[in-house]
Amino acid sequence: MYDFVIIGGGIIGMSTAMQLIDLYPDARIALLEKRVRASLPPDRA
């Protein structure tokens, strides 16, 4: 089970995950992304 689930691995999702790690270093965080490689345009994933 996760403490936080973030949907979307773009810049907002990644930034949110980084801030959560800073605030809650022991939390379990899941970051869900529909593409294989996060933060790339759809034609490059």
PDB file of N, CA and C in Angstrom:
ATOM      1  N   MET A   1       0.852  -1.172   0.000  1.00  0.00           N
ATOM      2  CA  MET A   1       0.000   0.000   0.000  1.00  0.00           C
ATOM      3  C   MET A   1       0.901   1.239   0.000  1.00  0.00           C
ATOM      4  N   TYR A   2       0.424   2.286  -0.668  1.00  0.00           N
ATOM      5  CA  TYR A   2       1.174   3.533  -0.778  1.00  0.00           C
ATOM      6  C   TYR A   2       0.535   4.616   0.078  1.00  0.00           C
ATOM      7  N   ASP A   3       1.361   5.539   0.525  1.00  0.00           N
ATOM      8  CA  ASP A   3       0.861   6.691   1.269  1.00  0.00           C
ATOM      9  C   ASP A   3       0.335   7.763   0.319  1.00  0.00           C
ATOM     10  N   PHE A   4       0.989   7.888  -0.843  1.00  0.00           N
ATOM     11  CA  PHE A   4       0.589   8.871  -1.850  1.00  0.00           C
ATOM     12  C   PHE A   4       0.652   8.216  -3.223  1.00  0.00           C
ATOM     13  N   VAL A   5      -0.306   8.537  -4.073  1.00  0.00           N
ATOM     14  CA  VAL A   5      -0.291   8.091  -5.462  1.00  0.00           C
ATOM     15  C   VAL A   5      -0.409   9.331  -6.329  1.00  0.00           C
ATOM     16  N   ILE A   6       0.552   9.509  -7.228  1.00  0.00           N
ATOM     17  CA  ILE A   6       0.566  10.649  -8.138  1.00  0.00           C
ATOM     18  C   ILE A   6       0.291  10.111  -9.531  1.00  0.00           C
ATOM     19  N   ILE A   7      -0.674  10.711 -10.201  1.00  0.00           N
ATOM     20  CA  ILE A   7      -1.024  10.278 -11.551  1.00  0.00           C
ATOM     21  C   ILE A   7      -0.437  11.283 -12.526  1.00  0.00           C
ATOM     22  N   GLY A   8       0.507  10.826 -13.325  1.00  0.00           N
ATOM     23  CA  GLY A   8       1.160  11.671 -14.314  1.00  0.00           C
ATOM     24  C   GLY A   8       2.613  11.911 -13.950  1.00  0.00           C
ATOM     25  N   GLY A   9       3.502  11.546 -14.853  1.00  0.00           N
ATOM     26  CA  GLY A   9       4.931  11.685 -14.605  1.00  0.00           C
ATOM     27  C   GLY A   9       5.551  12.879 -15.290  1.00  0.00           C
ATOM     28  N   GLY A  10       4.728  13.862 -15.623  1.00  0.00           N
ATOM     29  CA  GLY A  10       5.263  15.087 -16.214  1.00  0.00           C
ATOM     30  C   GLY A  10       5.940  15.942 -15.163  1.00  0.00           C
ATOM     31  N   ILE A  11       6.204  17.178 -15.517  1.00  0.00           N
ATOM     32  CA  ILE A  11       6.939  18.053 -14.610  1.00  0.00           C
ATOM     33  C   ILE A  11       6.185  18.301 -13.307  1.00  0.00           C
ATOM     34  N   ILE A  12       4.869  18.410 -13.360  1.00  0.00           N
ATOM     35  CA  ILE A  12       4.089  18.636 -12.139  1.00  0.00           C
ATOM     36  C   ILE A  12       4.105  17.385 -11.261  1.00  0.00           C
ATOM     37  N   GLY A  13       3.913  16.229 -11.861  1.00  0.00           N
ATOM     38  CA  GLY A  13       3.938  14.988 -11.091  1.00  0.00           C
ATOM     39  C   GLY A  13       5.293  14.735 -10.452  1.00  0.00           C
ATOM     40  N   MET A  14       6.359  14.962 -11.208  1.00  0.00           N
ATOM     41  CA  MET A  14       7.711  14.769 -10.676  1.00  0.00           C
ATOM     42  C   MET A  14       8.010  15.768  -9.563  1.00  0.00           C
ATOM     43  N   SER A  15       7.613  17.021  -9.764  1.00  0.00           N
ATOM     44  CA  SER A  15       7.835  18.049  -8.740  1.00  0.00           C
ATOM     45  C   SER A  15       7.068  17.724  -7.468  1.00  0.00           C
ATOM     46  N   THR A  16       5.838  17.261  -7.630  1.00  0.00           N
ATOM     47  CA  THR A  16       5.033  16.873  -6.472  1.00  0.00           C
ATOM     48  C   THR A  16       5.704  15.727  -5.724  1.00  0.00           C
ATOM     49  N   ALA A  17       6.185  14.740  -6.446  1.00  0.00           N
ATOM     50  CA  ALA A  17       6.860  13.601  -5.814  1.00  0.00           C
ATOM     51  C   ALA A  17       8.101  14.058  -5.054  1.00  0.00           C
ATOM     52  N   MET A  18       8.872  14.948  -5.642  1.00  0.00           N
ATOM     53  CA  MET A  18      10.078  15.437  -4.978  1.00  0.00           C
ATOM     54  C   MET A  18       9.746  16.201  -3.702  1.00  0.00           C
ATOM     55  N   GLN A  19       8.699  17.013  -3.745  1.00  0.00           N
ATOM     56  CA  GLN A  19       8.311  17.754  -2.546  1.00  0.00           C
ATOM     57  C   GLN A  19       7.780  16.814  -1.468  1.00  0.00           C
ATOM     58  N   LEU A  20       7.027  15.797  -1.866  1.00  0.00           N
ATOM     59  CA  LEU A  20       6.535  14.828  -0.888  1.00  0.00           C
ATOM     60  C   LEU A  20       7.689  14.073  -0.234  1.00  0.00           C
ATOM     61  N   ILE A  21       8.707  13.745  -1.011  1.00  0.00           N
ATOM     62  CA  ILE A  21       9.879  13.068  -0.452  1.00  0.00           C
ATOM     63  C   ILE A  21      10.567  13.957   0.581  1.00  0.00           C
ATOM     64  N   ASP A  22      10.660  15.252   0.284  1.00  0.00           N
ATOM     65  CA  ASP A  22      11.262  16.185   1.246  1.00  0.00           C
ATOM     66  C   ASP A  22      10.436  16.289   2.520  1.00  0.00           C
ATOM     67  N   LEU A  23       9.110  16.348   2.372  1.00  0.00           N
ATOM     68  CA  LEU A  23       8.233  16.516   3.533  1.00  0.00           C
ATOM     69  C   LEU A  23       8.035  15.227   4.321  1.00  0.00           C
ATOM     70  N   TYR A  24       7.964  14.103   3.618  1.00  0.00           N
ATOM     71  CA  TYR A  24       7.680  12.807   4.239  1.00  0.00           C
ATOM     72  C   TYR A  24       8.706  11.777   3.751  1.00  0.00           C
ATOM     73  N   PRO A  25       9.925  11.820   4.273  1.00  0.00           N
ATOM     74  CA  PRO A  25      10.983  10.944   3.741  1.00  0.00           C
ATOM     75  C   PRO A  25      10.703   9.446   3.878  1.00  0.00           C
ATOM     76  N   ASP A  26       9.853   9.054   4.801  1.00  0.00           N
ATOM     77  CA  ASP A  26       9.552   7.630   4.981  1.00  0.00           C
ATOM     78  C   ASP A  26       8.291   7.181   4.248  1.00  0.00           C
ATOM     79  N   ALA A  27       7.638   8.092   3.549  1.00  0.00           N
ATOM     80  CA  ALA A  27       6.389   7.766   2.853  1.00  0.00           C
ATOM     81  C   ALA A  27       6.671   6.899   1.632  1.00  0.00           C
ATOM     82  N   ARG A  28       5.697   6.066   1.312  1.00  0.00           N
ATOM     83  CA  ARG A  28       5.755   5.265   0.085  1.00  0.00           C
ATOM     84  C   ARG A  28       4.954   6.003  -0.975  1.00  0.00           C
ATOM     85  N   ILE A  29       5.603   6.312  -2.090  1.00  0.00           N
ATOM     86  CA  ILE A  29       4.993   7.126  -3.139  1.00  0.00           C
ATOM     87  C   ILE A  29       4.979   6.327  -4.436  1.00  0.00           C
ATOM     88  N   ALA A  30       3.811   6.272  -5.073  1.00  0.00           N
ATOM     89  CA  ALA A  30       3.684   5.649  -6.392  1.00  0.00           C
ATOM     90  C   ALA A  30       3.420   6.756  -7.399  1.00  0.00           C
ATOM     91  N   LEU A  31       4.171   6.741  -8.493  1.00  0.00           N
ATOM     92  CA  LEU A  31       3.979   7.706  -9.568  1.00  0.00           C
ATOM     93  C   LEU A  31       3.560   6.916 -10.806  1.00  0.00           C
ATOM     94  N   LEU A  32       2.355   7.155 -11.287  1.00  0.00           N
ATOM     95  CA  LEU A  32       1.807   6.397 -12.414  1.00  0.00           C
ATOM     96  C   LEU A  32       1.931   7.207 -13.695  1.00  0.00           C
ATOM     97  N   GLU A  33       2.425   6.561 -14.736  1.00  0.00           N
ATOM     98  CA  GLU A  33       2.594   7.205 -16.033  1.00  0.00           C
ATOM     99  C   GLU A  33       2.133   6.234 -17.104  1.00  0.00           C
ATOM    100  N   LYS A  34       1.367   6.713 -18.071  1.00  0.00           N
ATOM    101  CA  LYS A  34       0.850   5.813 -19.105  1.00  0.00           C
ATOM    102  C   LYS A  34       1.894   5.457 -20.154  1.00  0.00           C
ATOM    103  N   ARG A  35       2.890   6.302 -20.326  1.00  0.00           N
ATOM    104  CA  ARG A  35       3.953   6.011 -21.290  1.00  0.00           C
ATOM    105  C   ARG A  35       5.089   5.264 -20.600  1.00  0.00           C
ATOM    106  N   VAL A  36       5.893   4.594 -21.394  1.00  0.00           N
ATOM    107  CA  VAL A  36       7.020   3.838 -20.855  1.00  0.00           C
ATOM    108  C   VAL A  36       8.050   4.777 -20.239  1.00  0.00           C
ATOM    109  N   ARG A  37       8.330   5.891 -20.905  1.00  0.00           N
ATOM    110  CA  ARG A  37       9.315   6.849 -20.412  1.00  0.00           C
ATOM    111  C   ARG A  37       8.609   8.151 -20.067  1.00  0.00           C
ATOM    112  N   ALA A  38       8.683   8.542 -18.822  1.00  0.00           N
ATOM    113  CA  ALA A  38       8.006   9.756 -18.357  1.00  0.00           C
ATOM    114  C   ALA A  38       8.715  11.010 -18.859  1.00  0.00           C
ATOM    115  N   SER A  39       7.983  12.093 -18.928  1.00  0.00           N
ATOM    116  CA  SER A  39       8.479  13.428 -19.258  1.00  0.00           C
ATOM    117  C   SER A  39       9.010  13.557 -20.679  1.00  0.00           C
ATOM    118  N   LEU A  40       8.549  12.734 -21.597  1.00  0.00           N
ATOM    119  CA  LEU A  40       8.905  12.874 -23.004  1.00  0.00           C
ATOM    120  C   LEU A  40       7.646  13.164 -23.805  1.00  0.00           C
ATOM    121  N   PRO A  41       7.774  13.898 -24.897  1.00  0.00           N
ATOM    122  CA  PRO A  41       6.610  14.103 -25.763  1.00  0.00           C
ATOM    123  C   PRO A  41       6.105  12.753 -26.277  1.00  0.00           C
ATOM    124  N   PRO A  42       4.811  12.640 -26.589  1.00  0.00           N
ATOM    125  CA  PRO A  42       4.240  11.347 -27.014  1.00  0.00           C
ATOM    126  C   PRO A  42       4.957  10.709 -28.199  1.00  0.00           C
ATOM    127  N   ASP A  43       5.487  11.503 -29.118  1.00  0.00           N
ATOM    128  CA  ASP A  43       6.150  10.924 -30.284  1.00  0.00           C
ATOM    129  C   ASP A  43       7.553  10.402 -29.976  1.00  0.00           C
ATOM    130  N   ARG A  44       8.082  10.689 -28.789  1.00  0.00           N
ATOM    131  CA  ARG A  44       9.423  10.227 -28.419  1.00  0.00           C
ATOM    132  C   ARG A  44       9.389   9.122 -27.379  1.00  0.00           C
ATOM    133  N   ALA A  45       8.224   8.796 -26.840  1.00  0.00           N
ATOM    134  CA  ALA A  45       8.142   7.784 -25.768  1.00  0.00           C
ATOM    135  C   ALA A  45       8.221   6.386 -26.331  1.00  0.00           C
TER     136      ALA A  45
END
